[in-house]
Amino acid sequence: MKLKLLLGALMFTALTANAQVSNINENFNNFTAGNTTFPQFGWSAIVAPITGEFPPVPPRMIVAGDSNRFVQSYAGNNATGSSYLITPQIETPTGNKTLTFDTTLVSPSPGPGSIQIGVASNPADMSTFVPVGSPINVSVIGTVQNISVNIPASTGSYIVFKFTPTATHVAIQVDNVVYNTTASLGVSDHIKSTENFRFALNSDQSALEFIVKKDPKNIQIYSAAGQKAAEGKLNGQRFDISALQSGVYFMNIETAEGKTIQSKFIKK
């Protein structure tokens, strides 16, 4: 009887360990803060190697903050090495979900860094890392960027944040990570609203029509593959997309106040 109970417990443990999640909604507030706090709640980390500089300051993946916590990738003395934050195992991506998160450069970082989103098949082996889209530049201390990345169909079952600094002691923060079903956009969509602007595709799909209090400084549009497809400013509250092919596009909007806002649209 004891043997049967033991085998049952082992089988339950194995099933629990291999459980895959369909969605992620993580603000890290329940994580334990400190310098060596991974793995936690299915999240894990791989940090860049320590260098030979003296005094030795190792790179770290840190849970920081008090009641409002976040994850911070700190470069230590390694000015170029990449560190990785890995989500719990997800159901095999089919291309219908989007990853969103907030990021900013942490004071007193001496230089910028970048985040590259990707998927991996092994959370302990980053040679299985496959990038998704282009690296995201994180360069302004205290300015929160709201990032949205479509996760394509893939055999990788872990989403990975790859942090790469440009100098020693660079620290990049991420928070409010959500992985969920992609909203469907089209001609009959409701106008999308965020911050102090709204936009929608016009009826013939030739332009994005904006309602803004102040014109954005710049607009960049990227294809689903991460290639820049258009860049410029508004012309009479409109942004011309007549040259774009049908497909899913992601948009970086630099507001008049200098904040970067991420959004997306589908041109049919």
C-alpha atoms as a PDB file:
ATOM      1  CA  MET A   1       0.000   0.000   0.000  1.00  0.00           C
ATOM      2  CA  LYS A   2       2.809   2.399   0.857  1.00  0.00           C
ATOM      3  CA  LEU A   3       4.501   1.565  -2.447  1.00  0.00           C
ATOM      4  CA  LYS A   4       1.320   2.381  -4.375  1.00  0.00           C
ATOM      5  CA  LEU A   5       0.950   5.675  -2.550  1.00  0.00           C
ATOM      6  CA  LEU A   6       4.575   6.564  -3.281  1.00  0.00           C
ATOM      7  CA  LEU A   7       4.187   5.785  -6.988  1.00  0.00           C
ATOM      8  CA  GLY A   8       1.002   7.863  -7.064  1.00  0.00           C
ATOM      9  CA  ALA A   9       2.803  10.797  -5.467  1.00  0.00           C
ATOM     10  CA  LEU A  10       5.676  10.539  -7.970  1.00  0.00           C
ATOM     11  CA  MET A  11       3.260  10.480 -10.907  1.00  0.00           C
ATOM     12  CA  PHE A  12       1.405  13.534  -9.554  1.00  0.00           C
ATOM     13  CA  THR A  13       4.709  15.404  -9.107  1.00  0.00           C
ATOM     14  CA  ALA A  14       5.734  14.640 -12.695  1.00  0.00           C
ATOM     15  CA  LEU A  15       2.403  15.807 -14.063  1.00  0.00           C
ATOM     16  CA  THR A  16       2.602  19.010 -12.015  1.00  0.00           C
ATOM     17  CA  ALA A  17       6.160  19.739 -13.150  1.00  0.00           C
ATOM     18  CA  ASN A  18       5.210  19.368 -16.821  1.00  0.00           C
ATOM     19  CA  ALA A  19       2.026  21.439 -16.633  1.00  0.00           C
ATOM     20  CA  GLN A  20       1.830  24.041 -19.408  1.00  0.00           C
ATOM     21  CA  VAL A  21       0.029  27.351 -19.032  1.00  0.00           C
ATOM     22  CA  SER A  22      -2.183  28.810 -21.743  1.00  0.00           C
ATOM     23  CA  ASN A  23      -1.911  32.440 -20.602  1.00  0.00           C
ATOM     24  CA  ILE A  24       0.397  34.556 -18.425  1.00  0.00           C
ATOM     25  CA  ASN A  25      -0.592  37.553 -16.306  1.00  0.00           C
ATOM     26  CA  GLU A  26       2.306  38.382 -13.991  1.00  0.00           C
ATOM     27  CA  ASN A  27       3.095  41.585 -12.066  1.00  0.00           C
ATOM     28  CA  PHE A  28       5.708  39.867  -9.819  1.00  0.00           C
ATOM     29  CA  ASN A  29       4.151  41.306  -6.647  1.00  0.00           C
ATOM     30  CA  ASN A  30       4.017  37.860  -5.016  1.00  0.00           C
ATOM     31  CA  PHE A  31       7.662  37.103  -5.791  1.00  0.00           C
ATOM     32  CA  THR A  32      10.314  37.182  -3.064  1.00  0.00           C
ATOM     33  CA  ALA A  33      12.598  40.194  -3.462  1.00  0.00           C
ATOM     34  CA  GLY A  34      16.368  39.760  -3.402  1.00  0.00           C
ATOM     35  CA  ASN A  35      19.480  39.190  -5.489  1.00  0.00           C
ATOM     36  CA  THR A  36      19.217  35.431  -5.987  1.00  0.00           C
ATOM     37  CA  THR A  37      15.486  34.756  -6.189  1.00  0.00           C
ATOM     38  CA  PHE A  38      15.095  32.492  -9.226  1.00  0.00           C
ATOM     39  CA  PRO A  39      13.480  30.132  -9.967  1.00  0.00           C
ATOM     40  CA  GLN A  40      10.089  31.307  -8.650  1.00  0.00           C
ATOM     41  CA  PHE A  41       6.536  30.414  -9.690  1.00  0.00           C
ATOM     42  CA  GLY A  42       7.838  28.616 -12.783  1.00  0.00           C
ATOM     43  CA  TRP A  43       9.996  31.564 -13.901  1.00  0.00           C
ATOM     44  CA  SER A  44      13.754  31.016 -14.223  1.00  0.00           C
ATOM     45  CA  ALA A  45      16.832  33.020 -15.183  1.00  0.00           C
ATOM     46  CA  ILE A  46      20.226  32.554 -16.810  1.00  0.00           C
ATOM     47  CA  VAL A  47      22.650  35.403 -16.160  1.00  0.00           C
ATOM     48  CA  ALA A  48      25.737  36.509 -18.068  1.00  0.00           C
ATOM     49  CA  PRO A  49      29.084  35.237 -16.774  1.00  0.00           C
ATOM     50  CA  ILE A  50      31.115  37.225 -14.290  1.00  0.00           C
ATOM     51  CA  THR A  51      34.184  38.950 -15.749  1.00  0.00           C
ATOM     52  CA  GLY A  52      37.702  39.154 -14.403  1.00  0.00           C
ATOM     53  CA  GLU A  53      37.417  42.832 -13.445  1.00  0.00           C
ATOM     54  CA  PHE A  54      38.127  43.865  -9.869  1.00  0.00           C
ATOM     55  CA  PRO A  55      36.255  44.264  -7.676  1.00  0.00           C
ATOM     56  CA  PRO A  56      34.080  41.457  -9.046  1.00  0.00           C
ATOM     57  CA  VAL A  57      30.458  42.532  -9.535  1.00  0.00           C
ATOM     58  CA  PRO A  58      28.416  39.636 -10.944  1.00  0.00           C
ATOM     59  CA  PRO A  59      25.456  40.120 -13.281  1.00  0.00           C
ATOM     60  CA  ARG A  60      22.134  39.388 -11.565  1.00  0.00           C
ATOM     61  CA  MET A  61      18.452  38.876 -12.284  1.00  0.00           C
ATOM     62  CA  ILE A  62      16.776  40.606  -9.345  1.00  0.00           C
ATOM     63  CA  VAL A  63      13.227  40.873  -8.029  1.00  0.00           C
ATOM     64  CA  ALA A  64      13.091  44.461  -6.736  1.00  0.00           C
ATOM     65  CA  GLY A  65      10.549  46.862  -5.302  1.00  0.00           C
ATOM     66  CA  ASP A  66       8.340  46.748  -2.216  1.00  0.00           C
ATOM     67  CA  SER A  67       4.593  46.201  -2.659  1.00  0.00           C
ATOM     68  CA  ASN A  68       4.924  46.979  -6.384  1.00  0.00           C
ATOM     69  CA  ARG A  69       7.635  44.576  -7.519  1.00  0.00           C
ATOM     70  CA  PHE A  70       9.342  44.034 -10.854  1.00  0.00           C
ATOM     71  CA  VAL A  71      12.240  42.099 -12.360  1.00  0.00           C
ATOM     72  CA  GLN A  72      15.509  43.859 -13.048  1.00  0.00           C
ATOM     73  CA  SER A  73      18.371  42.551 -15.186  1.00  0.00           C
ATOM     74  CA  TYR A  74      21.598  44.043 -13.823  1.00  0.00           C
ATOM     75  CA  ALA A  75      24.794  43.836 -15.916  1.00  0.00           C
ATOM     76  CA  GLY A  76      27.356  44.071 -13.089  1.00  0.00           C
ATOM     77  CA  ASN A  77      30.863  44.253 -14.565  1.00  0.00           C
ATOM     78  CA  ASN A  78      29.860  42.520 -17.785  1.00  0.00           C
ATOM     79  CA  ALA A  79      29.262  45.305 -20.318  1.00  0.00           C
ATOM     80  CA  THR A  80      28.192  43.114 -23.239  1.00  0.00           C
ATOM     81  CA  GLY A  81      26.986  39.745 -21.937  1.00  0.00           C
ATOM     82  CA  SER A  82      23.324  38.816 -22.295  1.00  0.00           C
ATOM     83  CA  SER A  83      21.114  37.595 -19.468  1.00  0.00           C
ATOM     84  CA  TYR A  84      17.814  35.768 -19.884  1.00  0.00           C
ATOM     85  CA  LEU A  85      14.485  35.745 -18.024  1.00  0.00           C
ATOM     86  CA  ILE A  86      12.375  32.700 -18.905  1.00  0.00           C
ATOM     87  CA  THR A  87       8.631  32.312 -18.406  1.00  0.00           C
ATOM     88  CA  PRO A  88       6.876  29.175 -17.200  1.00  0.00           C
ATOM     89  CA  GLN A  89       6.284  26.586 -19.903  1.00  0.00           C
ATOM     90  CA  ILE A  90       3.444  27.616 -22.210  1.00  0.00           C
ATOM     91  CA  GLU A  91       1.223  25.649 -24.515  1.00  0.00           C
ATOM     92  CA  THR A  92       2.816  25.341 -27.957  1.00  0.00           C
ATOM     93  CA  PRO A  93       2.297  28.769 -29.613  1.00  0.00           C
ATOM     94  CA  THR A  94      -0.051  28.805 -32.603  1.00  0.00           C
ATOM     95  CA  GLY A  95       0.423  32.482 -33.520  1.00  0.00           C
ATOM     96  CA  ASN A  96      -2.824  33.814 -32.052  1.00  0.00           C
ATOM     97  CA  LYS A  97      -1.434  35.395 -28.893  1.00  0.00           C
ATOM     98  CA  THR A  98       0.466  38.558 -28.022  1.00  0.00           C
ATOM     99  CA  LEU A  99       3.035  39.256 -25.318  1.00  0.00           C
ATOM    100  CA  THR A 100       2.784  42.683 -23.675  1.00  0.00           C
ATOM    101  CA  PHE A 101       4.951  44.139 -20.929  1.00  0.00           C
ATOM    102  CA  ASP A 102       6.318  47.374 -19.472  1.00  0.00           C
ATOM    103  CA  THR A 103      10.021  48.201 -19.480  1.00  0.00           C
ATOM    104  CA  THR A 104      12.302  51.067 -18.502  1.00  0.00           C
ATOM    105  CA  LEU A 105      15.961  51.835 -17.844  1.00  0.00           C
ATOM    106  CA  VAL A 106      16.746  51.926 -14.133  1.00  0.00           C
ATOM    107  CA  SER A 107      18.696  54.797 -12.518  1.00  0.00           C
ATOM    108  CA  PRO A 108      21.669  55.267 -12.435  1.00  0.00           C
ATOM    109  CA  SER A 109      22.331  53.133 -15.533  1.00  0.00           C
ATOM    110  CA  PRO A 110      25.320  54.658 -17.395  1.00  0.00           C
ATOM    111  CA  GLY A 111      24.049  53.653 -20.823  1.00  0.00           C
ATOM    112  CA  PRO A 112      21.204  52.039 -22.748  1.00  0.00           C
ATOM    113  CA  GLY A 113      20.448  48.391 -23.275  1.00  0.00           C
ATOM    114  CA  SER A 114      18.065  46.239 -25.268  1.00  0.00           C
ATOM    115  CA  ILE A 115      15.478  43.524 -24.835  1.00  0.00           C
ATOM    116  CA  GLN A 116      15.052  40.820 -27.463  1.00  0.00           C
ATOM    117  CA  ILE A 117      11.954  38.649 -27.134  1.00  0.00           C
ATOM    118  CA  GLY A 118      12.228  35.056 -28.279  1.00  0.00           C
ATOM    119  CA  VAL A 119      11.083  31.507 -27.689  1.00  0.00           C
ATOM    120  CA  ALA A 120      13.149  28.543 -26.511  1.00  0.00           C
ATOM    121  CA  SER A 121      12.569  24.811 -26.321  1.00  0.00           C
ATOM    122  CA  ASN A 122      14.824  24.294 -23.299  1.00  0.00           C
ATOM    123  CA  PRO A 123      14.751  26.785 -20.386  1.00  0.00           C
ATOM    124  CA  ALA A 124      18.262  25.782 -19.344  1.00  0.00           C
ATOM    125  CA  ASP A 125      19.855  26.024 -22.819  1.00  0.00           C
ATOM    126  CA  MET A 126      19.763  29.392 -24.580  1.00  0.00           C
ATOM    127  CA  SER A 127      21.261  27.901 -27.731  1.00  0.00           C
ATOM    128  CA  THR A 128      17.607  26.948 -28.385  1.00  0.00           C
ATOM    129  CA  PHE A 129      16.609  30.650 -28.247  1.00  0.00           C
ATOM    130  CA  VAL A 130      14.857  31.840 -31.437  1.00  0.00           C
ATOM    131  CA  PRO A 131      14.330  35.640 -31.649  1.00  0.00           C
ATOM    132  CA  VAL A 132      10.922  37.148 -32.371  1.00  0.00           C
ATOM    133  CA  GLY A 133      10.963  40.572 -34.036  1.00  0.00           C
ATOM    134  CA  SER A 134      13.687  43.168 -33.576  1.00  0.00           C
ATOM    135  CA  PRO A 135      15.538  44.077 -30.350  1.00  0.00           C
ATOM    136  CA  ILE A 136      13.794  46.787 -28.335  1.00  0.00           C
ATOM    137  CA  ASN A 137      16.044  49.699 -27.368  1.00  0.00           C
ATOM    138  CA  VAL A 138      15.658  50.759 -23.721  1.00  0.00           C
ATOM    139  CA  SER A 139      17.481  54.052 -23.357  1.00  0.00           C
ATOM    140  CA  VAL A 140      15.609  56.551 -21.154  1.00  0.00           C
ATOM    141  CA  ILE A 141      15.709  56.297 -17.364  1.00  0.00           C
ATOM    142  CA  GLY A 142      12.229  56.378 -15.848  1.00  0.00           C
ATOM    143  CA  THR A 143      10.331  56.458 -19.154  1.00  0.00           C
ATOM    144  CA  VAL A 144       8.105  53.389 -19.254  1.00  0.00           C
ATOM    145  CA  GLN A 145       7.688  51.766 -22.661  1.00  0.00           C
ATOM    146  CA  ASN A 146       4.565  49.666 -23.221  1.00  0.00           C
ATOM    147  CA  ILE A 147       5.693  46.856 -25.527  1.00  0.00           C
ATOM    148  CA  SER A 148       3.526  44.487 -27.571  1.00  0.00           C
ATOM    149  CA  VAL A 149       5.010  41.536 -29.485  1.00  0.00           C
ATOM    150  CA  ASN A 150       3.069  38.932 -31.457  1.00  0.00           C
ATOM    151  CA  ILE A 151       4.338  35.435 -30.631  1.00  0.00           C
ATOM    152  CA  PRO A 152       4.264  33.388 -33.852  1.00  0.00           C
ATOM    153  CA  ALA A 153       3.572  29.678 -34.202  1.00  0.00           C
ATOM    154  CA  SER A 154       6.603  27.866 -32.844  1.00  0.00           C
ATOM    155  CA  THR A 155       7.876  24.612 -31.382  1.00  0.00           C
ATOM    156  CA  GLY A 156       9.424  26.589 -28.521  1.00  0.00           C
ATOM    157  CA  SER A 157       7.339  26.385 -25.365  1.00  0.00           C
ATOM    158  CA  TYR A 158       9.089  29.039 -23.266  1.00  0.00           C
ATOM    159  CA  ILE A 159       8.994  32.798 -23.850  1.00  0.00           C
ATOM    160  CA  VAL A 160      12.368  34.421 -23.179  1.00  0.00           C
ATOM    161  CA  PHE A 161      13.418  38.007 -22.411  1.00  0.00           C
ATOM    162  CA  LYS A 162      17.027  38.493 -23.558  1.00  0.00           C
ATOM    163  CA  PHE A 163      18.676  41.512 -21.915  1.00  0.00           C
ATOM    164  CA  THR A 164      21.850  42.947 -23.473  1.00  0.00           C
ATOM    165  CA  PRO A 165      23.641  45.977 -21.935  1.00  0.00           C
ATOM    166  CA  THR A 166      25.988  48.454 -23.634  1.00  0.00           C
ATOM    167  CA  ALA A 167      27.986  49.289 -20.505  1.00  0.00           C
ATOM    168  CA  THR A 168      28.766  47.935 -17.057  1.00  0.00           C
ATOM    169  CA  HIS A 169      26.103  48.390 -14.349  1.00  0.00           C
ATOM    170  CA  VAL A 170      23.234  48.862 -16.825  1.00  0.00           C
ATOM    171  CA  ALA A 171      19.913  47.790 -15.299  1.00  0.00           C
ATOM    172  CA  ILE A 172      16.725  47.146 -17.283  1.00  0.00           C
ATOM    173  CA  GLN A 173      13.349  46.571 -15.637  1.00  0.00           C
ATOM    174  CA  VAL A 174      10.314  44.590 -16.828  1.00  0.00           C
ATOM    175  CA  ASP A 175       6.864  44.400 -15.254  1.00  0.00           C
ATOM    176  CA  ASN A 176       3.199  43.599 -15.983  1.00  0.00           C
ATOM    177  CA  VAL A 177       3.874  40.699 -18.340  1.00  0.00           C
ATOM    178  CA  VAL A 178       0.749  39.465 -20.131  1.00  0.00           C
ATOM    179  CA  TYR A 179       0.570  36.681 -22.709  1.00  0.00           C
ATOM    180  CA  ASN A 180      -2.951  36.268 -24.046  1.00  0.00           C
ATOM    181  CA  THR A 181      -5.150  36.047 -27.118  1.00  0.00           C
ATOM    182  CA  THR A 182      -4.461  38.618 -29.828  1.00  0.00           C
ATOM    183  CA  ALA A 183      -7.265  41.084 -30.445  1.00  0.00           C
ATOM    184  CA  SER A 184      -8.615  40.959 -33.990  1.00  0.00           C
ATOM    185  CA  LEU A 185      -8.402  44.258 -35.857  1.00  0.00           C
ATOM    186  CA  GLY A 186     -10.019  45.258 -39.138  1.00  0.00           C
ATOM    187  CA  VAL A 187     -12.121  47.813 -41.050  1.00  0.00           C
ATOM    188  CA  SER A 188     -15.039  47.584 -38.649  1.00  0.00           C
ATOM    189  CA  ASP A 189     -12.921  47.746 -35.505  1.00  0.00           C
ATOM    190  CA  HIS A 190     -13.619  50.133 -32.700  1.00  0.00           C
ATOM    191  CA  ILE A 191     -11.186  53.030 -32.601  1.00  0.00           C
ATOM    192  CA  LYS A 192      -8.184  52.000 -30.514  1.00  0.00           C
ATOM    193  CA  SER A 193      -7.538  54.328 -27.584  1.00  0.00           C
ATOM    194  CA  THR A 194      -4.467  54.873 -25.428  1.00  0.00           C
ATOM    195  CA  GLU A 195      -2.982  57.789 -23.506  1.00  0.00           C
ATOM    196  CA  ASN A 196      -4.024  61.040 -25.264  1.00  0.00           C
ATOM    197  CA  PHE A 197      -4.676  59.711 -28.748  1.00  0.00           C
ATOM    198  CA  ARG A 198      -6.976  57.431 -30.707  1.00  0.00           C
ATOM    199  CA  PHE A 199      -6.560  55.958 -34.160  1.00  0.00           C
ATOM    200  CA  ALA A 200      -8.383  53.771 -36.662  1.00  0.00           C
ATOM    201  CA  LEU A 201      -7.901  52.532 -40.225  1.00  0.00           C
ATOM    202  CA  ASN A 202      -9.865  54.485 -42.795  1.00  0.00           C
ATOM    203  CA  SER A 203     -12.402  52.737 -45.004  1.00  0.00           C
ATOM    204  CA  ASP A 204     -10.066  51.998 -47.931  1.00  0.00           C
ATOM    205  CA  GLN A 205      -7.134  50.883 -45.710  1.00  0.00           C
ATOM    206  CA  SER A 206      -4.865  53.584 -47.142  1.00  0.00           C
ATOM    207  CA  ALA A 207      -4.232  55.534 -43.929  1.00  0.00           C
ATOM    208  CA  LEU A 208      -4.384  55.521 -40.162  1.00  0.00           C
ATOM    209  CA  GLU A 209      -6.564  58.375 -38.914  1.00  0.00           C
ATOM    210  CA  PHE A 210      -5.596  59.825 -35.541  1.00  0.00           C
ATOM    211  CA  ILE A 211      -7.383  61.953 -32.964  1.00  0.00           C
ATOM    212  CA  VAL A 212      -4.667  63.538 -30.808  1.00  0.00           C
ATOM    213  CA  LYS A 213      -4.233  66.537 -28.543  1.00  0.00           C
ATOM    214  CA  LYS A 214      -0.628  66.919 -29.709  1.00  0.00           C
ATOM    215  CA  ASP A 215       0.944  65.376 -32.800  1.00  0.00           C
ATOM    216  CA  PRO A 216       3.408  62.559 -32.007  1.00  0.00           C
ATOM    217  CA  LYS A 217       7.086  63.313 -32.588  1.00  0.00           C
ATOM    218  CA  ASN A 218       7.543  60.212 -34.706  1.00  0.00           C
ATOM    219  CA  ILE A 219       5.763  57.040 -35.833  1.00  0.00           C
ATOM    220  CA  GLN A 220       7.524  53.809 -36.814  1.00  0.00           C
ATOM    221  CA  ILE A 221       5.730  50.812 -38.305  1.00  0.00           C
ATOM    222  CA  TYR A 222       7.184  47.293 -38.331  1.00  0.00           C
ATOM    223  CA  SER A 223       6.058  44.134 -40.072  1.00  0.00           C
ATOM    224  CA  ALA A 224       5.221  40.997 -38.092  1.00  0.00           C
ATOM    225  CA  ALA A 225       8.744  39.786 -38.962  1.00  0.00           C
ATOM    226  CA  GLY A 226      10.269  42.828 -37.243  1.00  0.00           C
ATOM    227  CA  GLN A 227      11.320  44.749 -40.364  1.00  0.00           C
ATOM    228  CA  LYS A 228      10.699  48.501 -40.491  1.00  0.00           C
ATOM    229  CA  ALA A 229       7.956  49.164 -43.055  1.00  0.00           C
ATOM    230  CA  ALA A 230       7.308  52.898 -42.643  1.00  0.00           C
ATOM    231  CA  GLU A 231       8.355  55.897 -40.565  1.00  0.00           C
ATOM    232  CA  GLY A 232       7.301  59.520 -40.378  1.00  0.00           C
ATOM    233  CA  LYS A 233       4.927  62.046 -38.880  1.00  0.00           C
ATOM    234  CA  LEU A 234       1.238  62.797 -39.173  1.00  0.00           C
ATOM    235  CA  ASN A 235      -0.018  64.769 -42.139  1.00  0.00           C
ATOM    236  CA  GLY A 236      -3.274  66.410 -41.151  1.00  0.00           C
ATOM    237  CA  GLN A 237      -4.036  63.776 -38.509  1.00  0.00           C
ATOM    238  CA  ARG A 238      -3.366  60.986 -41.015  1.00  0.00           C
ATOM    239  CA  PHE A 239      -0.506  58.537 -41.489  1.00  0.00           C
ATOM    240  CA  ASP A 240      -0.205  57.116 -45.001  1.00  0.00           C
ATOM    241  CA  ILE A 241      -0.024  53.298 -45.196  1.00  0.00           C
ATOM    242  CA  SER A 242      -1.084  52.946 -48.858  1.00  0.00           C
ATOM    243  CA  ALA A 243       2.282  51.375 -49.757  1.00  0.00           C
ATOM    244  CA  LEU A 244       1.993  48.614 -47.143  1.00  0.00           C
ATOM    245  CA  GLN A 245       0.977  45.109 -48.128  1.00  0.00           C
ATOM    246  CA  SER A 246      -1.833  43.284 -46.320  1.00  0.00           C
ATOM    247  CA  GLY A 247      -0.784  41.889 -42.961  1.00  0.00           C
ATOM    248  CA  VAL A 248      -0.187  42.488 -39.264  1.00  0.00           C
ATOM    249  CA  TYR A 249       1.870  45.556 -38.321  1.00  0.00           C
ATOM    250  CA  PHE A 250       3.271  46.870 -35.059  1.00  0.00           C
ATOM    251  CA  MET A 251       3.598  50.578 -34.385  1.00  0.00           C
ATOM    252  CA  ASN A 252       5.933  52.595 -32.130  1.00  0.00           C
ATOM    253  CA  ILE A 253       4.514  56.050 -31.404  1.00  0.00           C
ATOM    254  CA  GLU A 254       6.793  58.608 -29.745  1.00  0.00           C
ATOM    255  CA  THR A 255       4.391  61.067 -28.119  1.00  0.00           C
ATOM    256  CA  ALA A 256       4.904  64.823 -27.853  1.00  0.00           C
ATOM    257  CA  GLU A 257       5.899  64.224 -24.227  1.00  0.00           C
ATOM    258  CA  GLY A 258       8.621  61.766 -25.263  1.00  0.00           C
ATOM    259  CA  LYS A 259       6.863  58.574 -24.143  1.00  0.00           C
ATOM    260  CA  THR A 260       6.952  55.538 -26.421  1.00  0.00           C
ATOM    261  CA  ILE A 261       3.631  53.748 -26.942  1.00  0.00           C
ATOM    262  CA  GLN A 262       3.282  50.422 -28.721  1.00  0.00           C
ATOM    263  CA  SER A 263       0.192  49.413 -30.687  1.00  0.00           C
ATOM    264  CA  LYS A 264      -0.723  47.338 -33.721  1.00  0.00           C
ATOM    265  CA  PHE A 265      -3.166  47.058 -36.601  1.00  0.00           C
ATOM    266  CA  ILE A 266      -4.090  44.696 -39.401  1.00  0.00           C
ATOM    267  CA  LYS A 267      -4.267  45.934 -42.970  1.00  0.00           C
ATOM    268  CA  LYS A 268      -6.585  43.802 -45.102  1.00  0.00           C
END
